[in-house]
Protein backbone atom coordinates (compact mmCIF):
# COMPACT_ATOMS: atom_id res chain seq x y z
CA MET A 1 -107.32 -15.75 40.67
CA VAL A 2 -104.97 -16.04 43.59
CA LEU A 3 -101.22 -16.02 43.22
CA LYS A 4 -99.46 -18.41 45.57
CA THR A 5 -96.37 -17.75 47.47
CA SER A 6 -93.32 -20.03 47.31
CA GLY A 7 -94.18 -21.40 50.57
CA GLU A 8 -97.74 -22.24 49.62
CA ILE A 9 -96.31 -23.88 46.46
CA GLU A 10 -94.17 -26.05 48.51
CA LEU A 11 -97.21 -27.17 50.47
CA MET A 12 -99.07 -27.91 47.23
CA ASP A 13 -96.12 -29.88 45.93
CA GLU A 14 -96.28 -32.11 48.96
CA ALA A 15 -100.04 -32.64 48.71
CA ASN A 16 -99.46 -33.67 45.09
CA ARG A 17 -96.71 -36.02 46.06
CA ILE A 18 -99.31 -37.89 48.30
CA VAL A 19 -101.59 -38.02 45.27
CA HIS A 20 -98.95 -39.40 42.87
CA ARG A 21 -97.83 -41.99 45.43
CA VAL A 22 -101.57 -43.02 45.52
CA LEU A 23 -101.58 -43.39 41.75
CA ASP A 24 -98.30 -45.18 41.82
CA GLY A 25 -99.65 -47.50 44.50
CA ILE A 26 -102.76 -48.42 42.80
CA THR A 27 -100.92 -49.34 39.41
CA ASP A 28 -100.24 -53.01 40.59
CA LEU A 29 -103.81 -53.34 42.09
CA ILE A 30 -105.43 -52.57 38.78
CA VAL A 31 -106.09 -56.07 37.31
CA PRO A 32 -108.88 -58.09 36.17
CA GLY A 33 -111.30 -58.99 38.97
CA ALA A 34 -110.23 -55.95 41.23
CA THR A 35 -112.99 -53.63 42.22
CA THR A 36 -112.81 -49.93 42.44
CA ALA A 37 -114.08 -50.04 45.99
CA GLU A 38 -110.76 -51.81 46.68
CA LEU A 39 -108.87 -49.14 45.01
CA ASP A 40 -110.81 -46.42 46.93
CA GLY A 41 -110.02 -48.03 50.32
CA PHE A 42 -106.29 -48.25 49.63
CA ALA A 43 -106.39 -44.50 48.51
CA GLU A 44 -108.24 -43.42 51.63
CA GLU A 45 -105.83 -45.24 54.01
CA PHE A 46 -102.74 -44.16 52.24
CA ILE A 47 -103.76 -40.46 52.14
CA ARG A 48 -104.79 -40.48 55.93
CA GLN A 49 -101.47 -42.27 56.99
CA ALA A 50 -99.58 -39.61 55.07
CA GLY A 51 -101.18 -36.72 57.01
CA GLY A 52 -103.50 -35.84 54.48
CA VAL A 53 -107.50 -35.71 53.98
CA PRO A 54 -109.23 -37.25 50.96
CA ALA A 55 -110.06 -34.07 49.08
CA PHE A 56 -113.14 -35.61 47.17
CA LEU A 57 -114.81 -37.43 49.91
CA ASN A 58 -118.11 -35.79 50.83
CA TYR A 59 -117.13 -32.87 48.34
CA ARG A 60 -120.35 -31.51 47.33
CA GLY A 61 -121.69 -34.99 48.46
CA PHE A 62 -119.40 -37.08 46.43
CA PRO A 63 -119.33 -40.43 48.26
CA ALA A 64 -115.59 -41.54 47.85
CA THR A 65 -111.93 -40.75 47.92
CA LEU A 66 -111.38 -41.57 44.12
CA CYS A 67 -113.19 -40.86 40.93
CA THR A 68 -112.94 -44.20 39.16
CA SER A 69 -114.19 -43.73 35.36
CA ILE A 70 -114.23 -46.99 33.32
CA ASN A 71 -114.38 -47.05 29.44
CA ASP A 72 -117.14 -44.74 28.38
CA VAL A 73 -117.02 -42.85 31.69
CA ILE A 74 -115.31 -39.41 31.27
CA VAL A 75 -115.02 -38.33 34.78
CA HIS A 76 -116.56 -38.53 38.31
CA GLY A 77 -117.33 -42.43 38.25
CA ILE A 78 -118.18 -43.69 41.58
CA PRO A 79 -116.16 -46.77 43.12
CA ASN A 80 -118.18 -49.88 43.76
CA GLU A 81 -117.86 -53.52 43.84
CA THR A 82 -118.20 -54.41 40.27
CA PRO A 83 -115.05 -56.16 39.16
CA LEU A 84 -112.83 -54.76 36.52
CA GLU A 85 -112.72 -56.70 33.27
CA GLN A 86 -109.93 -57.60 30.96
CA GLY A 87 -109.51 -54.89 28.35
CA ASP A 88 -111.08 -52.07 30.48
CA ILE A 89 -109.39 -48.60 30.79
CA ILE A 90 -109.93 -46.75 33.85
CA GLY A 91 -109.39 -43.15 34.56
CA VAL A 92 -108.58 -42.56 38.26
CA ASP A 93 -108.73 -38.86 39.55
CA CYS A 94 -107.18 -38.31 43.33
CA GLY A 95 -107.32 -35.32 45.34
CA VAL A 96 -105.60 -34.49 48.80
CA LEU A 97 -105.77 -31.75 51.21
CA TYR A 98 -102.54 -31.22 53.04
CA LYS A 99 -102.11 -28.54 55.73
CA GLY A 100 -104.57 -26.34 54.17
CA TYR A 101 -103.61 -26.72 50.51
CA TYR A 102 -104.85 -29.17 47.72
CA GLY A 103 -103.27 -31.51 45.18
CA ASP A 104 -105.18 -32.82 42.32
CA ALA A 105 -104.06 -35.38 39.57
CA ALA A 106 -105.38 -38.20 37.37
CA ARG A 107 -104.10 -41.09 35.34
CA THR A 108 -105.69 -43.55 32.94
CA TYR A 109 -104.81 -47.15 33.37
CA ALA A 110 -105.04 -50.50 31.34
CA VAL A 111 -106.67 -53.34 32.77
CA GLY A 112 -104.77 -56.31 31.38
CA GLU A 113 -104.38 -56.32 27.63
CA ILE A 114 -106.34 -53.42 25.85
CA SER A 115 -107.17 -52.56 22.34
CA SER A 116 -105.04 -50.58 19.99
CA GLN A 117 -107.31 -47.85 19.90
CA ALA A 118 -107.67 -47.58 23.62
CA TRP A 119 -103.59 -47.52 23.74
CA GLN A 120 -103.67 -44.79 21.27
CA LEU A 121 -106.43 -42.80 22.86
CA MET A 122 -104.36 -43.06 26.19
CA GLU A 123 -101.13 -42.05 24.76
CA VAL A 124 -102.41 -39.15 22.88
CA THR A 125 -104.33 -37.93 25.85
CA ARG A 126 -101.18 -38.03 27.99
CA GLU A 127 -98.99 -36.47 25.14
CA SER A 128 -101.59 -33.55 24.93
CA LEU A 129 -101.07 -32.85 28.81
CA ASP A 130 -97.16 -32.98 28.36
CA LEU A 131 -97.44 -30.48 25.46
CA ALA A 132 -99.85 -28.15 27.16
CA ILE A 133 -97.50 -28.03 30.15
CA GLN A 134 -94.50 -27.10 27.96
CA VAL A 135 -96.42 -24.08 26.66
CA ILE A 136 -96.86 -22.57 30.32
CA GLU A 137 -94.71 -19.69 31.11
CA PRO A 138 -95.08 -16.07 32.09
CA GLY A 139 -96.49 -14.08 29.23
CA LYS A 140 -98.42 -16.75 27.65
CA ARG A 141 -102.22 -16.59 27.56
CA LEU A 142 -104.70 -19.00 29.18
CA SER A 143 -106.14 -20.12 25.94
CA ASP A 144 -102.63 -21.38 24.75
CA ILE A 145 -103.00 -24.22 26.93
CA GLY A 146 -106.44 -25.38 25.73
CA HIS A 147 -105.38 -24.74 22.00
CA THR A 148 -102.42 -26.96 22.39
CA VAL A 149 -104.52 -29.72 23.80
CA GLN A 150 -107.24 -29.48 21.17
CA SER A 151 -104.67 -29.19 18.29
CA HIS A 152 -102.91 -32.44 19.27
CA VAL A 153 -105.93 -34.48 20.06
CA GLU A 154 -107.80 -33.66 16.85
CA LYS A 155 -104.88 -34.57 14.62
CA PHE A 156 -105.54 -38.16 15.70
CA GLY A 157 -109.40 -38.04 15.07
CA PHE A 158 -110.28 -37.85 18.93
CA SER A 159 -112.34 -35.06 20.31
CA VAL A 160 -112.01 -32.92 23.42
CA VAL A 161 -114.72 -32.64 26.09
CA ARG A 162 -116.33 -29.30 26.46
CA GLU A 163 -118.53 -29.76 29.46
CA PHE A 164 -115.56 -30.23 31.81
CA VAL A 165 -112.42 -28.20 32.20
CA GLY A 166 -109.33 -27.63 34.33
CA HIS A 167 -109.17 -25.08 37.00
CA GLY A 168 -107.13 -23.08 39.37
CA ILE A 169 -106.20 -24.66 42.67
CA GLY A 170 -104.77 -23.85 46.04
CA ALA A 171 -106.53 -23.44 49.32
CA ALA A 172 -109.81 -24.48 47.52
CA LEU A 173 -109.97 -27.39 45.34
CA HIS A 174 -111.46 -25.33 42.54
CA GLU A 175 -110.45 -21.76 41.93
CA ASP A 176 -110.41 -19.32 39.13
CA PRO A 177 -109.56 -19.33 36.42
CA GLN A 178 -111.41 -22.16 34.49
CA VAL A 179 -108.78 -23.78 32.06
CA PRO A 180 -110.87 -25.29 28.96
CA ASN A 181 -108.97 -28.13 26.88
CA PHE A 182 -109.94 -26.11 23.60
CA GLY A 183 -110.04 -22.80 21.93
CA GLN A 184 -108.24 -20.21 20.10
CA PRO A 185 -104.64 -19.34 21.13
CA GLY A 186 -103.66 -16.01 22.56
CA ARG A 187 -106.89 -15.28 24.50
CA GLY A 188 -107.83 -14.91 28.21
CA PRO A 189 -105.69 -14.03 31.25
CA MET A 190 -102.05 -13.78 30.98
CA LEU A 191 -100.07 -16.42 32.92
CA GLU A 192 -98.22 -15.03 35.97
CA PRO A 193 -95.79 -16.63 38.42
CA GLY A 194 -97.65 -17.95 41.37
CA MET A 195 -100.58 -19.02 39.55
CA VAL A 196 -101.25 -22.76 40.01
CA LEU A 197 -103.55 -24.60 37.47
CA ALA A 198 -104.94 -28.19 37.20
CA ILE A 199 -104.42 -29.12 33.68
CA GLU A 200 -106.53 -32.13 32.89
CA PRO A 201 -107.36 -32.93 29.37
CA MET A 202 -110.37 -35.27 28.89
CA VAL A 203 -110.51 -36.83 25.53
CA ASN A 204 -113.10 -39.05 23.67
CA ALA A 205 -112.54 -41.58 21.09
CA GLY A 206 -115.70 -40.64 19.55
CA GLN A 207 -117.89 -37.48 19.66
CA PRO A 208 -117.35 -34.85 22.38
CA GLY A 209 -120.77 -35.06 24.02
CA VAL A 210 -121.52 -35.78 27.59
CA LYS A 211 -124.35 -37.31 29.42
CA VAL A 212 -124.54 -37.81 33.27
CA ASP A 213 -126.17 -40.83 35.00
CA ALA A 214 -129.01 -40.72 37.49
CA ASP A 215 -126.52 -40.57 40.36
CA GLY A 216 -125.92 -36.93 39.30
CA TRP A 217 -122.18 -37.76 39.14
CA THR A 218 -121.11 -40.37 36.47
CA ALA A 219 -120.48 -38.56 33.21
CA ARG A 220 -120.25 -40.73 30.06
CA THR A 221 -119.74 -40.26 26.41
CA THR A 222 -123.02 -39.79 24.67
CA ASP A 223 -122.00 -42.32 21.80
CA GLY A 224 -120.54 -44.95 24.13
CA ALA A 225 -116.96 -44.43 23.01
CA LEU A 226 -113.97 -44.72 25.03
CA SER A 227 -112.63 -41.77 27.12
CA ALA A 228 -109.21 -40.99 28.74
CA HIS A 229 -108.30 -38.46 31.46
CA TYR A 230 -104.98 -37.15 32.72
CA GLU A 231 -104.29 -34.22 34.93
CA PHE A 232 -101.44 -32.60 36.78
CA SER A 233 -101.26 -29.66 39.01
CA VAL A 234 -98.77 -27.10 37.59
CA ALA A 235 -97.33 -23.95 39.20
CA VAL A 236 -96.29 -21.11 36.90
CA THR A 237 -92.67 -19.95 37.80
CA GLU A 238 -90.56 -17.03 36.87
CA THR A 239 -88.83 -19.10 34.12
CA GLY A 240 -91.68 -21.54 33.08
CA GLN A 241 -93.48 -24.05 35.06
CA LYS A 242 -93.15 -26.61 37.93
CA VAL A 243 -95.41 -29.86 37.84
CA LEU A 244 -96.19 -30.52 41.48
CA GLY A 245 -95.60 -33.64 42.88
CA ARG A 246 -94.06 -35.10 39.56
CA SER A 247 -90.85 -36.13 41.14
CA VAL A 248 -92.55 -39.59 42.18
CA ALA A 249 -95.08 -39.67 39.23
CA ALA A 250 -95.02 -42.65 36.80
CA VAL A 251 -96.58 -43.06 33.51
CA ALA A 252 -99.33 -45.55 33.86
């Protein structure tokens, strides 16, 4: 676990501003007939023009700037030329390296008109993220975050993915500690000022199981149910928390 200085957190705030500008910018591009390859091209160009580097591109061999995860894909979907369809939902995860520090955030978007279940899944997942952030303050335990996510999600009959979790972030894209979205409260490391955590609920409409496609990346629900994903990078402060880059973030 690496505690960050105020200067480092400022750089991470700027990295996350770039991330959220990308996520804002693709909002109007996500329409029936658009392709995830088009979204990816927009994101790479925007990031580079802003002075950043796409964090995911070539990370452990990942071939794109964005992770684009449609319907039953939980995370790590690879952009391609297949058109989006009316009624799809799409989780978009974006990472940026800026002056040696990383930003990382994700949102789930509707493609045109979607089902009531899909809307509820998206809303509950986003609510679970907001509630989890609210419990972050010095003296709380790491597991309080995941317990908050799980408690909220399961009230609505949805399930939390176990195989993928949030993480520390800083000069590396993934740092300790891991941040599960489930568990009992009051356990794990104590939260301290200077910690920066990527909090990212991944929530399935059906069962929590995961299967990975032959490409080694695309992770789907085992039962074909929809999945939603939201993420913010959050710094622990002396008095609570700061959501990095959020000043320009919009709810999709």
